[in-house]
Amino acid sequence: MNWAHLHLAVNHIPVLGTLLVFVLLCAAMLRQSDELKKVCLWAFVVLTVVAVAIKYSGDFAYEAVAKSEWIEKSIVSAHEEAADQATTAMFVVGLVAAAGLFLMRKVRSVPRWLMGTLFVTAFATFLLMARAANFGGRIRHTEIRPRPPTEDGTKP
């Protein structure tokens, strides 16, 4: 197994993990369950650590395939930029979640404003993660790339 294989194998974790924990967070907020909120906070902190590690595995994955004739650097650059944005957003989610865990040491329930902030940032992060994953898929899956317009200006 090389870096490219490893990156492909684990890059789904933060994308799907963010979505699943976001859904769990919605349930925790609807049920007003402090225990479930705490699970979500811990899960977001863990996902943040995983996402940062996966981001760096992408750099090694690119080095493993950089000299391949099929690689299109513009597509890789778009994926890398999207991954940087998604990882930064995940880092913010991790900080908010860590703040919630810190506050839960003193009080039983996480403040509503913090849960609202986590709700919004987690949803935005999932969208950014999905976007980065889509750009990543375009690296080898030409069938999901946008098609250029034909000579008459219409899309095929």
Protein backbone atom coordinates (compact mmCIF):
# COMPACT_ATOMS: atom_id res chain seq x y z
CA MET A 1 0.00 0.00 0.00
CA ASN A 2 1.38 3.39 -0.99
CA TRP A 3 0.37 6.91 0.09
CA ALA A 4 -2.12 7.33 -2.74
CA HIS A 5 -3.87 4.10 -1.75
CA LEU A 6 -3.91 5.10 1.92
CA HIS A 7 -5.30 8.54 1.10
CA LEU A 8 -8.07 7.03 -1.03
CA ALA A 9 -8.90 4.49 1.66
CA VAL A 10 -9.29 6.96 4.54
CA ASN A 11 -10.43 10.21 2.93
CA HIS A 12 -14.09 9.24 3.27
CA ILE A 13 -13.87 9.27 7.07
CA PRO A 14 -14.15 13.05 7.63
CA VAL A 15 -16.72 13.51 4.85
CA LEU A 16 -19.12 10.83 6.05
CA GLY A 17 -18.14 11.26 9.68
CA THR A 18 -19.04 14.94 9.64
CA LEU A 19 -22.43 14.13 8.13
CA LEU A 20 -23.16 11.33 10.61
CA VAL A 21 -22.10 13.33 13.65
CA PHE A 22 -24.10 16.31 12.36
CA VAL A 23 -27.23 14.11 12.20
CA LEU A 24 -26.44 12.84 15.70
CA LEU A 25 -26.02 16.45 16.83
CA CYS A 26 -29.48 17.27 15.46
CA ALA A 27 -30.93 14.36 17.45
CA ALA A 28 -29.06 15.50 20.57
CA MET A 29 -30.40 19.02 20.23
CA LEU A 30 -33.97 17.86 19.56
CA ARG A 31 -33.92 15.46 22.52
CA GLN A 32 -32.02 17.96 24.66
CA SER A 33 -29.69 15.13 25.65
CA ASP A 34 -26.54 16.34 27.35
CA GLU A 35 -24.97 12.88 27.09
CA LEU A 36 -25.55 12.73 23.35
CA LYS A 37 -24.24 16.28 22.95
CA LYS A 38 -21.07 15.25 24.76
CA VAL A 39 -20.64 12.26 22.42
CA CYS A 40 -20.98 14.64 19.45
CA LEU A 41 -18.42 17.02 20.90
CA TRP A 42 -15.89 14.21 21.35
CA ALA A 43 -16.64 12.84 17.88
CA PHE A 44 -16.03 16.24 16.28
CA VAL A 45 -12.71 16.58 18.11
CA VAL A 46 -11.64 13.13 16.90
CA LEU A 47 -12.79 13.89 13.33
CA THR A 48 -10.73 17.07 13.41
CA VAL A 49 -7.56 15.17 14.28
CA VAL A 50 -8.32 12.59 11.59
CA ALA A 51 -9.09 15.26 8.96
CA VAL A 52 -5.80 17.05 9.57
CA ALA A 53 -3.88 13.78 9.24
CA ILE A 54 -5.75 12.89 6.04
CA LYS A 55 -5.02 16.32 4.57
CA TYR A 56 -1.31 15.67 4.96
CA SER A 57 -1.63 12.17 3.49
CA GLY A 58 -2.89 13.92 0.34
CA ASP A 59 0.43 15.69 -0.06
CA PHE A 60 2.25 12.35 0.01
CA ALA A 61 -0.36 10.80 -2.30
CA TYR A 62 0.28 13.51 -4.87
CA GLU A 63 4.03 12.89 -4.70
CA ALA A 64 3.36 9.20 -5.39
CA VAL A 65 1.50 9.96 -8.66
CA ALA A 66 2.92 13.36 -9.69
CA LYS A 67 4.91 11.94 -12.60
CA SER A 68 2.03 9.92 -14.03
CA GLU A 69 0.98 10.86 -17.55
CA TRP A 70 -2.73 10.95 -16.64
CA ILE A 71 -2.41 13.54 -13.86
CA GLU A 72 -3.88 16.97 -14.53
CA LYS A 73 -2.31 19.46 -12.18
CA SER A 74 -5.19 21.95 -12.43
CA ILE A 75 -7.65 19.36 -11.11
CA VAL A 76 -5.28 18.36 -8.31
CA SER A 77 -4.82 22.05 -7.42
CA ALA A 78 -8.59 22.59 -7.24
CA HIS A 79 -8.91 19.54 -4.98
CA GLU A 80 -6.05 20.69 -2.77
CA GLU A 81 -7.51 24.17 -2.38
CA ALA A 82 -10.94 22.73 -1.53
CA ALA A 83 -9.32 20.31 0.93
CA ASP A 84 -7.48 23.20 2.60
CA GLN A 85 -10.77 25.04 3.05
CA ALA A 86 -12.56 21.95 4.35
CA THR A 87 -9.75 21.11 6.77
CA THR A 88 -9.68 24.67 8.08
CA ALA A 89 -13.44 24.53 8.62
CA MET A 90 -13.06 21.17 10.38
CA PHE A 91 -10.41 22.72 12.61
CA VAL A 92 -12.92 25.43 13.59
CA VAL A 93 -15.51 22.75 14.36
CA GLY A 94 -12.93 20.95 16.49
CA LEU A 95 -12.15 24.14 18.41
CA VAL A 96 -15.85 24.81 19.04
CA ALA A 97 -16.35 21.21 20.16
CA ALA A 98 -13.30 21.37 22.43
CA ALA A 99 -14.65 24.60 23.94
CA GLY A 100 -17.95 22.81 24.61
CA LEU A 101 -16.13 19.96 26.32
CA PHE A 102 -14.17 22.45 28.40
CA LEU A 103 -17.38 24.22 29.45
CA MET A 104 -19.03 20.92 30.33
CA ARG A 105 -16.44 20.44 33.04
CA LYS A 106 -18.05 23.27 35.01
CA VAL A 107 -21.69 23.12 33.93
CA ARG A 108 -23.96 20.21 33.15
CA SER A 109 -25.27 21.49 29.84
CA VAL A 110 -23.50 23.10 26.90
CA PRO A 111 -24.75 26.65 26.28
CA ARG A 112 -27.30 26.96 23.46
CA TRP A 113 -25.22 29.56 21.63
CA LEU A 114 -22.30 27.12 21.47
CA MET A 115 -24.51 24.31 20.20
CA GLY A 116 -25.98 26.68 17.60
CA THR A 117 -22.49 27.68 16.51
CA LEU A 118 -21.48 24.05 16.28
CA PHE A 119 -24.63 23.24 14.29
CA VAL A 120 -23.93 25.94 11.68
CA THR A 121 -20.17 25.32 11.41
CA ALA A 122 -20.60 21.54 11.22
CA PHE A 123 -23.14 21.84 8.41
CA ALA A 124 -20.92 24.27 6.47
CA THR A 125 -17.96 21.96 7.06
CA PHE A 126 -19.84 18.98 5.67
CA LEU A 127 -20.61 20.97 2.52
CA LEU A 128 -16.95 21.94 2.17
CA MET A 129 -15.87 18.33 2.78
CA ALA A 130 -18.30 17.08 0.11
CA ARG A 131 -16.98 19.69 -2.32
CA ALA A 132 -13.37 18.65 -1.66
CA ALA A 133 -14.31 14.99 -2.13
CA ASN A 134 -16.02 15.80 -5.42
CA PHE A 135 -12.93 17.61 -6.69
CA GLY A 136 -10.82 14.66 -5.52
CA GLY A 137 -13.00 12.25 -7.43
CA ARG A 138 -12.42 14.24 -10.60
CA ILE A 139 -8.71 13.46 -10.47
CA ARG A 140 -9.22 9.91 -11.78
CA HIS A 141 -12.91 9.82 -12.66
CA THR A 142 -13.22 11.72 -15.90
CA GLU A 143 -16.92 10.88 -16.08
CA ILE A 144 -17.70 13.32 -13.23
CA ARG A 145 -15.69 16.20 -14.66
CA PRO A 146 -17.66 19.08 -16.15
CA ARG A 147 -17.79 18.82 -19.91
CA PRO A 148 -16.46 21.73 -21.94
CA PRO A 149 -18.93 23.45 -24.25
CA THR A 150 -19.04 22.33 -27.88
CA GLU A 151 -18.09 24.62 -30.75
CA ASP A 152 -21.60 26.08 -30.95
CA GLY A 153 -21.44 26.98 -27.23
CA THR A 154 -23.80 24.30 -25.93
CA LYS A 155 -22.93 21.51 -23.55
CA PRO A 156 -22.89 17.99 -25.02
